[in-house]
Amino acid sequence: MVLPQQPPEQFLTLEESAKVDAALLSSSEKFLSRLTISSLKLLKYIAQEYNIAVEDLTTEQVIDWFEKDSKVRREQGVEAAYLKW
């Protein structure tokens, strides 16, 4: 497995956030847009870890990845995990 890259400070760039803000969407739709964009980036990273296309990811692989990242966080600390929450 490839050593985890550190995620950007934010999963949403300032430019992306500005585009969402400028969209004619309700507050809840803007929140879901931000969540979806961030999720896409995370799914791309997970797919890269498995050396497969995003569309080939399975539910089990996503869950497995989260379990592994959670284990790293518990055993090695937040800074060692990919996700920093």
N, C-alpha and C. Protein backbone atom coordinates (compact mmCIF):
# COMPACT_ATOMS: atom_id res chain seq x y z
N MET A 1 0.86 -1.18 0.00
CA MET A 1 0.00 0.00 0.00
C MET A 1 0.90 1.24 0.00
N VAL A 2 0.49 2.26 -0.70
CA VAL A 2 1.21 3.51 -0.78
C VAL A 2 1.06 4.26 0.53
N LEU A 3 2.13 4.93 0.95
CA LEU A 3 2.02 5.75 2.17
C LEU A 3 0.99 6.84 1.95
N PRO A 4 0.14 7.11 2.91
CA PRO A 4 -0.92 8.10 2.73
C PRO A 4 -0.34 9.49 2.48
N GLN A 5 -0.93 10.16 1.50
CA GLN A 5 -0.61 11.56 1.29
C GLN A 5 -1.39 12.33 2.33
N GLN A 6 -0.88 13.46 2.67
CA GLN A 6 -1.63 14.30 3.59
C GLN A 6 -2.71 15.03 2.80
N PRO A 7 -3.94 15.03 3.29
CA PRO A 7 -5.00 15.73 2.56
C PRO A 7 -4.76 17.22 2.62
N PRO A 8 -5.33 17.93 1.66
CA PRO A 8 -5.20 19.38 1.75
C PRO A 8 -5.86 19.86 3.04
N GLU A 9 -5.51 21.07 3.45
CA GLU A 9 -6.11 21.62 4.67
C GLU A 9 -7.63 21.50 4.62
N GLN A 10 -8.16 21.71 3.45
CA GLN A 10 -9.60 21.60 3.26
C GLN A 10 -9.83 20.72 2.04
N PHE A 11 -10.89 19.98 2.04
CA PHE A 11 -11.21 19.16 0.88
C PHE A 11 -11.84 19.99 -0.22
N LEU A 12 -12.20 21.20 0.09
CA LEU A 12 -12.81 22.10 -0.87
C LEU A 12 -11.89 23.31 -1.01
N THR A 13 -11.48 23.61 -2.25
CA THR A 13 -10.62 24.76 -2.44
C THR A 13 -11.43 26.05 -2.27
N LEU A 14 -10.73 27.15 -2.11
CA LEU A 14 -11.42 28.43 -2.02
C LEU A 14 -12.20 28.72 -3.29
N GLU A 15 -11.63 28.37 -4.44
CA GLU A 15 -12.31 28.58 -5.71
C GLU A 15 -13.60 27.74 -5.79
N GLU A 16 -13.51 26.49 -5.39
CA GLU A 16 -14.70 25.63 -5.41
C GLU A 16 -15.76 26.16 -4.45
N SER A 17 -15.33 26.57 -3.29
CA SER A 17 -16.27 27.11 -2.31
C SER A 17 -16.95 28.37 -2.85
N ALA A 18 -16.19 29.22 -3.51
CA ALA A 18 -16.76 30.44 -4.10
C ALA A 18 -17.78 30.10 -5.18
N LYS A 19 -17.49 29.07 -5.97
CA LYS A 19 -18.43 28.66 -7.02
C LYS A 19 -19.73 28.15 -6.40
N VAL A 20 -19.62 27.40 -5.32
CA VAL A 20 -20.82 26.91 -4.64
C VAL A 20 -21.59 28.09 -4.06
N ASP A 21 -20.88 29.02 -3.44
CA ASP A 21 -21.53 30.21 -2.88
C ASP A 21 -22.27 31.01 -3.94
N ALA A 22 -21.70 31.08 -5.14
CA ALA A 22 -22.30 31.87 -6.23
C ALA A 22 -23.49 31.16 -6.88
N ALA A 23 -23.61 29.87 -6.66
CA ALA A 23 -24.69 29.11 -7.28
C ALA A 23 -26.04 29.51 -6.69
N LEU A 24 -27.05 29.43 -7.50
CA LEU A 24 -28.41 29.76 -7.06
C LEU A 24 -29.01 28.56 -6.35
N LEU A 25 -28.52 28.32 -5.15
CA LEU A 25 -28.95 27.16 -4.36
C LEU A 25 -29.34 27.61 -2.96
N SER A 26 -30.19 26.82 -2.34
CA SER A 26 -30.54 27.07 -0.94
C SER A 26 -29.33 26.72 -0.06
N SER A 27 -29.38 27.09 1.19
CA SER A 27 -28.29 26.78 2.12
C SER A 27 -28.06 25.27 2.22
N SER A 28 -29.14 24.51 2.30
CA SER A 28 -28.98 23.06 2.41
C SER A 28 -28.42 22.46 1.12
N GLU A 29 -28.79 23.01 -0.02
CA GLU A 29 -28.26 22.53 -1.29
C GLU A 29 -26.77 22.88 -1.41
N LYS A 30 -26.38 24.03 -0.92
CA LYS A 30 -24.97 24.41 -0.93
C LYS A 30 -24.16 23.47 -0.03
N PHE A 31 -24.71 23.15 1.14
CA PHE A 31 -24.04 22.21 2.04
C PHE A 31 -23.86 20.86 1.36
N LEU A 32 -24.92 20.36 0.73
CA LEU A 32 -24.83 19.06 0.04
C LEU A 32 -23.87 19.11 -1.13
N SER A 33 -23.80 20.25 -1.81
CA SER A 33 -22.85 20.40 -2.91
C SER A 33 -21.42 20.32 -2.40
N ARG A 34 -21.14 21.02 -1.31
CA ARG A 34 -19.81 20.97 -0.72
C ARG A 34 -19.46 19.56 -0.26
N LEU A 35 -20.40 18.91 0.37
CA LEU A 35 -20.20 17.54 0.85
C LEU A 35 -19.92 16.60 -0.32
N THR A 36 -20.66 16.76 -1.40
CA THR A 36 -20.50 15.90 -2.57
C THR A 36 -19.16 16.11 -3.24
N ILE A 37 -18.75 17.35 -3.39
CA ILE A 37 -17.45 17.65 -3.99
C ILE A 37 -16.32 17.06 -3.13
N SER A 38 -16.41 17.26 -1.83
CA SER A 38 -15.41 16.71 -0.92
C SER A 38 -15.40 15.19 -0.97
N SER A 39 -16.58 14.60 -1.02
CA SER A 39 -16.69 13.13 -1.08
C SER A 39 -16.08 12.58 -2.36
N LEU A 40 -16.30 13.27 -3.47
CA LEU A 40 -15.71 12.83 -4.73
C LEU A 40 -14.19 12.81 -4.63
N LYS A 41 -13.61 13.85 -4.05
CA LYS A 41 -12.16 13.89 -3.89
C LYS A 41 -11.68 12.74 -3.02
N LEU A 42 -12.39 12.45 -1.94
CA LEU A 42 -12.00 11.35 -1.06
C LEU A 42 -12.15 10.01 -1.78
N LEU A 43 -13.22 9.84 -2.53
CA LEU A 43 -13.40 8.59 -3.29
C LEU A 43 -12.28 8.40 -4.32
N LYS A 44 -11.85 9.48 -4.95
CA LYS A 44 -10.74 9.39 -5.90
C LYS A 44 -9.47 8.94 -5.18
N TYR A 45 -9.24 9.47 -3.99
CA TYR A 45 -8.07 9.07 -3.21
C TYR A 45 -8.16 7.58 -2.83
N ILE A 46 -9.32 7.17 -2.35
CA ILE A 46 -9.50 5.76 -1.96
C ILE A 46 -9.29 4.85 -3.16
N ALA A 47 -9.84 5.21 -4.30
CA ALA A 47 -9.67 4.41 -5.51
C ALA A 47 -8.20 4.31 -5.89
N GLN A 48 -7.49 5.41 -5.75
CA GLN A 48 -6.05 5.42 -6.04
C GLN A 48 -5.32 4.45 -5.11
N GLU A 49 -5.71 4.42 -3.85
CA GLU A 49 -5.10 3.49 -2.89
C GLU A 49 -5.29 2.03 -3.33
N TYR A 50 -6.44 1.73 -3.93
CA TYR A 50 -6.74 0.38 -4.38
C TYR A 50 -6.32 0.14 -5.84
N ASN A 51 -5.76 1.17 -6.47
CA ASN A 51 -5.35 1.09 -7.88
C ASN A 51 -6.50 0.67 -8.79
N ILE A 52 -7.66 1.28 -8.56
CA ILE A 52 -8.81 1.00 -9.41
C ILE A 52 -9.51 2.32 -9.74
N ALA A 53 -10.43 2.25 -10.69
CA ALA A 53 -11.22 3.43 -11.04
C ALA A 53 -12.27 3.68 -9.96
N VAL A 54 -12.63 4.93 -9.78
CA VAL A 54 -13.63 5.28 -8.77
C VAL A 54 -14.90 4.47 -8.97
N GLU A 55 -15.30 4.33 -10.24
CA GLU A 55 -16.56 3.62 -10.49
C GLU A 55 -16.49 2.14 -10.11
N ASP A 56 -15.28 1.62 -9.93
CA ASP A 56 -15.14 0.21 -9.55
C ASP A 56 -15.07 -0.01 -8.04
N LEU A 57 -15.03 1.07 -7.29
CA LEU A 57 -15.02 0.93 -5.83
C LEU A 57 -16.30 0.26 -5.35
N THR A 58 -16.15 -0.59 -4.38
CA THR A 58 -17.32 -1.23 -3.79
C THR A 58 -17.59 -0.62 -2.41
N THR A 59 -18.77 -0.84 -1.94
CA THR A 59 -19.13 -0.38 -0.59
C THR A 59 -18.17 -0.97 0.43
N GLU A 60 -17.84 -2.23 0.27
CA GLU A 60 -16.95 -2.91 1.20
C GLU A 60 -15.56 -2.27 1.22
N GLN A 61 -15.06 -1.88 0.04
CA GLN A 61 -13.74 -1.24 -0.02
C GLN A 61 -13.75 0.12 0.68
N VAL A 62 -14.81 0.87 0.51
CA VAL A 62 -14.91 2.18 1.16
C VAL A 62 -14.95 2.00 2.68
N ILE A 63 -15.77 1.07 3.12
CA ILE A 63 -15.86 0.80 4.57
C ILE A 63 -14.51 0.33 5.10
N ASP A 64 -13.86 -0.58 4.37
CA ASP A 64 -12.55 -1.10 4.77
C ASP A 64 -11.54 0.04 4.88
N TRP A 65 -11.55 0.95 3.91
CA TRP A 65 -10.62 2.08 3.94
C TRP A 65 -10.85 2.94 5.18
N PHE A 66 -12.11 3.23 5.49
CA PHE A 66 -12.43 4.04 6.68
C PHE A 66 -12.00 3.31 7.95
N GLU A 67 -12.20 1.99 8.00
CA GLU A 67 -11.77 1.24 9.18
C GLU A 67 -10.26 1.32 9.35
N LYS A 68 -9.51 1.17 8.24
CA LYS A 68 -8.05 1.24 8.31
C LYS A 68 -7.59 2.63 8.74
N ASP A 69 -8.19 3.68 8.18
CA ASP A 69 -7.80 5.04 8.55
C ASP A 69 -8.13 5.31 10.02
N SER A 70 -9.26 4.79 10.47
CA SER A 70 -9.67 4.95 11.87
C SER A 70 -8.69 4.23 12.79
N LYS A 71 -8.24 3.07 12.38
CA LYS A 71 -7.28 2.30 13.18
C LYS A 71 -5.95 3.06 13.28
N VAL A 72 -5.51 3.62 12.18
CA VAL A 72 -4.28 4.43 12.19
C VAL A 72 -4.44 5.59 13.17
N ARG A 73 -5.59 6.27 13.12
CA ARG A 73 -5.85 7.40 14.01
C ARG A 73 -5.80 6.98 15.47
N ARG A 74 -6.42 5.84 15.78
CA ARG A 74 -6.44 5.36 17.17
C ARG A 74 -5.04 4.94 17.64
N GLU A 75 -4.31 4.24 16.78
CA GLU A 75 -3.03 3.67 17.19
C GLU A 75 -1.85 4.62 17.05
N GLN A 76 -1.90 5.52 16.06
CA GLN A 76 -0.74 6.38 15.78
C GLN A 76 -1.02 7.87 15.96
N GLY A 77 -2.28 8.20 16.19
CA GLY A 77 -2.64 9.60 16.38
C GLY A 77 -3.24 10.22 15.13
N VAL A 78 -3.91 11.33 15.35
CA VAL A 78 -4.64 12.02 14.28
C VAL A 78 -3.73 12.39 13.12
N GLU A 79 -2.53 12.84 13.42
CA GLU A 79 -1.63 13.31 12.35
C GLU A 79 -1.20 12.19 11.41
N ALA A 80 -1.22 10.93 11.87
CA ALA A 80 -0.83 9.82 11.03
C ALA A 80 -1.95 9.36 10.10
N ALA A 81 -3.18 9.71 10.43
CA ALA A 81 -4.33 9.30 9.63
C ALA A 81 -4.50 10.24 8.44
N TYR A 82 -5.19 9.79 7.43
CA TYR A 82 -5.47 10.62 6.27
C TYR A 82 -6.50 11.68 6.62
N LEU A 83 -7.59 11.24 7.23
CA LEU A 83 -8.64 12.17 7.64
C LEU A 83 -8.29 12.74 9.01
N LYS A 84 -8.42 14.02 9.15
CA LYS A 84 -7.96 14.70 10.36
C LYS A 84 -9.10 15.08 11.30
N TRP A 85 -10.11 14.27 11.44
CA TRP A 85 -11.15 14.58 12.40
C TRP A 85 -11.34 13.47 13.37
